[in-house]
Amino acid sequence: MKHLFIAATFATAATAWAQSPVQVQDAWARATVGAQSATGAFMKLTAPQATRLVEVRSPAAGIVEVHEMKLDGDVMRMRAVDALPLAAGQTVELKPGGLHVMLMDLKAPVKAGEAVPLTLVFEGADGQRRTQDVKATARALSAAPAPAAGGHGGGHGKH
């Protein structure tokens, strides 16, 4: 009987994962200026079950990575993360000066008001991967929240 309960629990969790996508709120990207070849995308993610954001893709950029910014001494540094864990029911905010999606090698300038297509790839505890398409509305630099004080490493330009 115990084995049936465990099997039913796993089946229920797998079904919930398949039917309950990660909630994505307030997705936006920073519009570019001049010859800028990189920008950032930001959003709030809430997963119904523990999962990980393992990849982001976009036809708007040649390279798309999840980055984090951390203070190293008195210098803000940026680096790519392999996967972003999302605890069940906890909102993770991707925002300027913190965790964010970095779009590099842009195919064209990103203009305010445009929708930047993103495909988020999530991996559940069972190893199954699911994709979720998101449109991030581009905002002009003056309309976006200011990034955290200090410079950053990584040489990606402003975002």
C-alpha atoms as a PDB file:
ATOM      1  CA  MET A   1       0.000   0.000   0.000  1.00  0.00           C
ATOM      2  CA  LYS A   2       2.878   2.337   0.820  1.00  0.00           C
ATOM      3  CA  HIS A   3       4.282   1.870  -2.702  1.00  0.00           C
ATOM      4  CA  LEU A   4       0.950   2.831  -4.261  1.00  0.00           C
ATOM      5  CA  PHE A   5       0.859   6.016  -2.172  1.00  0.00           C
ATOM      6  CA  ILE A   6       4.401   6.954  -3.244  1.00  0.00           C
ATOM      7  CA  ALA A   7       3.623   6.221  -6.904  1.00  0.00           C
ATOM      8  CA  ALA A   8       0.439   8.315  -6.691  1.00  0.00           C
ATOM      9  CA  THR A   9       2.376  11.173  -5.082  1.00  0.00           C
ATOM     10  CA  PHE A  10       4.974  11.192  -7.890  1.00  0.00           C
ATOM     11  CA  ALA A  11       2.255  10.972 -10.538  1.00  0.00           C
ATOM     12  CA  THR A  12       0.420  13.905  -8.977  1.00  0.00           C
ATOM     13  CA  ALA A  13       3.619  15.980  -8.799  1.00  0.00           C
ATOM     14  CA  ALA A  14       4.487  15.173 -12.429  1.00  0.00           C
ATOM     15  CA  THR A  15       0.971  16.075 -13.570  1.00  0.00           C
ATOM     16  CA  ALA A  16       1.058  19.351 -11.602  1.00  0.00           C
ATOM     17  CA  TRP A  17       4.452  20.230 -13.128  1.00  0.00           C
ATOM     18  CA  ALA A  18       3.152  19.507 -16.626  1.00  0.00           C
ATOM     19  CA  GLN A  19       0.013  21.592 -16.116  1.00  0.00           C
ATOM     20  CA  SER A  20       1.274  24.468 -13.921  1.00  0.00           C
ATOM     21  CA  PRO A  21       3.734  26.732 -15.678  1.00  0.00           C
ATOM     22  CA  VAL A  22       5.927  29.142 -13.810  1.00  0.00           C
ATOM     23  CA  GLN A  23       4.124  32.437 -13.243  1.00  0.00           C
ATOM     24  CA  VAL A  24       5.946  35.276 -15.011  1.00  0.00           C
ATOM     25  CA  GLN A  25       5.049  38.833 -14.007  1.00  0.00           C
ATOM     26  CA  ASP A  26       6.193  42.285 -15.126  1.00  0.00           C
ATOM     27  CA  ALA A  27       8.502  41.081 -17.920  1.00  0.00           C
ATOM     28  CA  TRP A  28      10.383  43.980 -19.472  1.00  0.00           C
ATOM     29  CA  ALA A  29      13.630  44.689 -21.286  1.00  0.00           C
ATOM     30  CA  ARG A  30      15.706  47.811 -21.380  1.00  0.00           C
ATOM     31  CA  ALA A  31      15.594  49.599 -24.749  1.00  0.00           C
ATOM     32  CA  THR A  32      18.998  50.210 -26.310  1.00  0.00           C
ATOM     33  CA  VAL A  33      20.647  53.437 -27.402  1.00  0.00           C
ATOM     34  CA  GLY A  34      23.137  54.048 -30.196  1.00  0.00           C
ATOM     35  CA  ALA A  35      25.309  51.078 -31.148  1.00  0.00           C
ATOM     36  CA  GLN A  36      24.642  49.235 -27.891  1.00  0.00           C
ATOM     37  CA  SER A  37      25.000  45.481 -28.512  1.00  0.00           C
ATOM     38  CA  ALA A  38      23.640  44.173 -25.196  1.00  0.00           C
ATOM     39  CA  THR A  39      20.721  44.799 -22.879  1.00  0.00           C
ATOM     40  CA  GLY A  40      18.959  43.255 -19.916  1.00  0.00           C
ATOM     41  CA  ALA A  41      15.548  41.674 -19.407  1.00  0.00           C
ATOM     42  CA  PHE A  42      13.802  41.573 -16.055  1.00  0.00           C
ATOM     43  CA  MET A  43      10.770  39.850 -14.518  1.00  0.00           C
ATOM     44  CA  LYS A  44       9.339  38.118 -11.466  1.00  0.00           C
ATOM     45  CA  LEU A  45       9.177  34.301 -11.474  1.00  0.00           C
ATOM     46  CA  THR A  46       7.038  32.152  -9.165  1.00  0.00           C
ATOM     47  CA  ALA A  47       7.090  28.367  -9.573  1.00  0.00           C
ATOM     48  CA  PRO A  48       4.300  26.150  -8.192  1.00  0.00           C
ATOM     49  CA  GLN A  49       6.868  23.389  -7.515  1.00  0.00           C
ATOM     50  CA  ALA A  50      10.623  23.564  -6.978  1.00  0.00           C
ATOM     51  CA  THR A  51      12.273  23.984 -10.366  1.00  0.00           C
ATOM     52  CA  ARG A  52      15.260  25.636 -11.992  1.00  0.00           C
ATOM     53  CA  LEU A  53      15.567  28.140 -14.815  1.00  0.00           C
ATOM     54  CA  VAL A  54      18.294  26.440 -16.856  1.00  0.00           C
ATOM     55  CA  GLU A  55      18.281  28.387 -20.113  1.00  0.00           C
ATOM     56  CA  VAL A  56      16.845  31.454 -21.818  1.00  0.00           C
ATOM     57  CA  ARG A  57      16.711  31.881 -25.596  1.00  0.00           C
ATOM     58  CA  SER A  58      15.707  34.774 -27.818  1.00  0.00           C
ATOM     59  CA  PRO A  59      15.769  35.366 -31.566  1.00  0.00           C
ATOM     60  CA  ALA A  60      16.669  38.984 -30.722  1.00  0.00           C
ATOM     61  CA  ALA A  61      20.189  38.079 -29.492  1.00  0.00           C
ATOM     62  CA  GLY A  62      23.056  35.784 -30.401  1.00  0.00           C
ATOM     63  CA  ILE A  63      23.851  35.038 -26.736  1.00  0.00           C
ATOM     64  CA  VAL A  64      21.354  34.939 -23.866  1.00  0.00           C
ATOM     65  CA  GLU A  65      22.411  34.163 -20.288  1.00  0.00           C
ATOM     66  CA  VAL A  66      21.074  34.507 -16.771  1.00  0.00           C
ATOM     67  CA  HIS A  67      23.466  36.780 -14.865  1.00  0.00           C
ATOM     68  CA  GLU A  68      23.900  37.855 -11.296  1.00  0.00           C
ATOM     69  CA  MET A  69      25.548  40.986 -10.000  1.00  0.00           C
ATOM     70  CA  LYS A  70      27.427  40.822  -6.710  1.00  0.00           C
ATOM     71  CA  LEU A  71      29.519  43.269  -4.783  1.00  0.00           C
ATOM     72  CA  ASP A  72      33.173  42.119  -4.741  1.00  0.00           C
ATOM     73  CA  GLY A  73      34.892  44.464  -2.284  1.00  0.00           C
ATOM     74  CA  ASP A  74      33.713  47.822  -3.574  1.00  0.00           C
ATOM     75  CA  VAL A  75      33.252  46.745  -7.206  1.00  0.00           C
ATOM     76  CA  MET A  76      30.013  45.375  -8.644  1.00  0.00           C
ATOM     77  CA  ARG A  77      30.757  42.301 -10.776  1.00  0.00           C
ATOM     78  CA  MET A  78      28.526  40.437 -13.165  1.00  0.00           C
ATOM     79  CA  ARG A  79      28.749  36.727 -14.005  1.00  0.00           C
ATOM     80  CA  ALA A  80      26.639  34.094 -15.734  1.00  0.00           C
ATOM     81  CA  VAL A  81      24.879  31.479 -13.604  1.00  0.00           C
ATOM     82  CA  ASP A  82      24.384  27.908 -14.840  1.00  0.00           C
ATOM     83  CA  ALA A  83      20.898  27.560 -13.339  1.00  0.00           C
ATOM     84  CA  LEU A  84      18.600  29.687 -11.219  1.00  0.00           C
ATOM     85  CA  PRO A  85      16.785  27.682  -8.520  1.00  0.00           C
ATOM     86  CA  LEU A  86      13.134  28.576  -7.931  1.00  0.00           C
ATOM     87  CA  ALA A  87      11.709  27.338  -4.629  1.00  0.00           C
ATOM     88  CA  ALA A  88       8.048  26.294  -4.683  1.00  0.00           C
ATOM     89  CA  GLY A  89       5.773  29.278  -4.151  1.00  0.00           C
ATOM     90  CA  GLN A  90       8.624  31.779  -3.670  1.00  0.00           C
ATOM     91  CA  THR A  91       8.917  34.731  -6.054  1.00  0.00           C
ATOM     92  CA  VAL A  92      12.373  35.392  -7.489  1.00  0.00           C
ATOM     93  CA  GLU A  93      12.815  38.864  -8.930  1.00  0.00           C
ATOM     94  CA  LEU A  94      15.142  39.454 -11.852  1.00  0.00           C
ATOM     95  CA  LYS A  95      15.934  43.168 -11.671  1.00  0.00           C
ATOM     96  CA  PRO A  96      18.601  45.744 -12.554  1.00  0.00           C
ATOM     97  CA  GLY A  97      21.572  45.464 -10.215  1.00  0.00           C
ATOM     98  CA  GLY A  98      20.757  41.840  -9.300  1.00  0.00           C
ATOM     99  CA  LEU A  99      19.754  38.672 -11.095  1.00  0.00           C
ATOM    100  CA  HIS A 100      18.747  39.397 -14.705  1.00  0.00           C
ATOM    101  CA  VAL A 101      18.646  37.998 -18.226  1.00  0.00           C
ATOM    102  CA  MET A 102      21.496  39.338 -20.348  1.00  0.00           C
ATOM    103  CA  LEU A 103      20.890  39.616 -24.099  1.00  0.00           C
ATOM    104  CA  MET A 104      24.187  40.013 -25.953  1.00  0.00           C
ATOM    105  CA  ASP A 105      25.127  40.238 -29.626  1.00  0.00           C
ATOM    106  CA  LEU A 106      21.772  41.867 -30.372  1.00  0.00           C
ATOM    107  CA  LYS A 107      20.502  41.326 -33.928  1.00  0.00           C
ATOM    108  CA  ALA A 108      18.939  44.830 -34.015  1.00  0.00           C
ATOM    109  CA  PRO A 109      18.396  47.759 -31.660  1.00  0.00           C
ATOM    110  CA  VAL A 110      15.686  47.232 -29.044  1.00  0.00           C
ATOM    111  CA  LYS A 111      13.214  50.108 -29.290  1.00  0.00           C
ATOM    112  CA  ALA A 112      10.903  51.284 -26.508  1.00  0.00           C
ATOM    113  CA  GLY A 113       7.480  49.671 -26.824  1.00  0.00           C
ATOM    114  CA  GLU A 114       8.716  46.636 -28.765  1.00  0.00           C
ATOM    115  CA  ALA A 115       8.055  43.140 -27.465  1.00  0.00           C
ATOM    116  CA  VAL A 116      11.274  41.154 -27.005  1.00  0.00           C
ATOM    117  CA  PRO A 117      10.496  37.421 -27.338  1.00  0.00           C
ATOM    118  CA  LEU A 118      12.101  35.164 -24.731  1.00  0.00           C
ATOM    119  CA  THR A 119      11.865  31.405 -24.290  1.00  0.00           C
ATOM    120  CA  LEU A 120      12.450  30.316 -20.696  1.00  0.00           C
ATOM    121  CA  VAL A 121      13.567  26.714 -20.164  1.00  0.00           C
ATOM    122  CA  PHE A 122      12.709  25.224 -16.770  1.00  0.00           C
ATOM    123  CA  GLU A 123      13.845  21.905 -15.369  1.00  0.00           C
ATOM    124  CA  GLY A 124      11.723  20.155 -12.737  1.00  0.00           C
ATOM    125  CA  ALA A 125      12.940  17.907  -9.942  1.00  0.00           C
ATOM    126  CA  ASP A 126      12.219  14.942 -12.238  1.00  0.00           C
ATOM    127  CA  GLY A 127      14.692  16.244 -14.846  1.00  0.00           C
ATOM    128  CA  GLN A 128      11.910  17.074 -17.308  1.00  0.00           C
ATOM    129  CA  ARG A 129      12.412  20.321 -19.209  1.00  0.00           C
ATOM    130  CA  ARG A 130       9.572  22.623 -20.184  1.00  0.00           C
ATOM    131  CA  THR A 131       9.702  25.791 -22.229  1.00  0.00           C
ATOM    132  CA  GLN A 132       7.632  28.881 -21.659  1.00  0.00           C
ATOM    133  CA  ASP A 133       7.416  31.787 -24.102  1.00  0.00           C
ATOM    134  CA  VAL A 134       7.388  35.317 -22.697  1.00  0.00           C
ATOM    135  CA  LYS A 135       7.187  38.761 -24.295  1.00  0.00           C
ATOM    136  CA  ALA A 136       9.226  41.408 -22.485  1.00  0.00           C
ATOM    137  CA  THR A 137       8.108  44.940 -23.342  1.00  0.00           C
ATOM    138  CA  ALA A 138      11.051  47.251 -23.993  1.00  0.00           C
ATOM    139  CA  ARG A 139      11.217  50.374 -21.839  1.00  0.00           C
ATOM    140  CA  ALA A 140      13.316  53.456 -22.487  1.00  0.00           C
ATOM    141  CA  LEU A 141      16.296  53.856 -20.172  1.00  0.00           C
ATOM    142  CA  SER A 142      14.677  56.854 -18.492  1.00  0.00           C
ATOM    143  CA  ALA A 143      11.527  54.791 -17.762  1.00  0.00           C
ATOM    144  CA  ALA A 144      13.413  51.867 -16.215  1.00  0.00           C
ATOM    145  CA  PRO A 145      14.429  51.720 -12.561  1.00  0.00           C
ATOM    146  CA  ALA A 146      18.007  52.836 -11.964  1.00  0.00           C
ATOM    147  CA  PRO A 147      20.593  50.064 -11.493  1.00  0.00           C
ATOM    148  CA  ALA A 148      22.463  49.653  -8.217  1.00  0.00           C
ATOM    149  CA  ALA A 149      25.302  52.112  -7.625  1.00  0.00           C
ATOM    150  CA  GLY A 150      28.784  51.148  -8.722  1.00  0.00           C
ATOM    151  CA  GLY A 151      30.320  49.743 -11.866  1.00  0.00           C
ATOM    152  CA  HIS A 152      30.347  46.130 -12.898  1.00  0.00           C
ATOM    153  CA  GLY A 153      32.796  43.780 -14.500  1.00  0.00           C
ATOM    154  CA  GLY A 154      32.125  41.543 -17.414  1.00  0.00           C
ATOM    155  CA  GLY A 155      32.428  44.096 -20.221  1.00  0.00           C
ATOM    156  CA  HIS A 156      28.879  43.673 -21.526  1.00  0.00           C
ATOM    157  CA  GLY A 157      28.114  47.378 -21.723  1.00  0.00           C
ATOM    158  CA  LYS A 158      25.115  49.071 -20.129  1.00  0.00           C
ATOM    159  CA  HIS A 159      21.986  47.069 -19.437  1.00  0.00           C
END
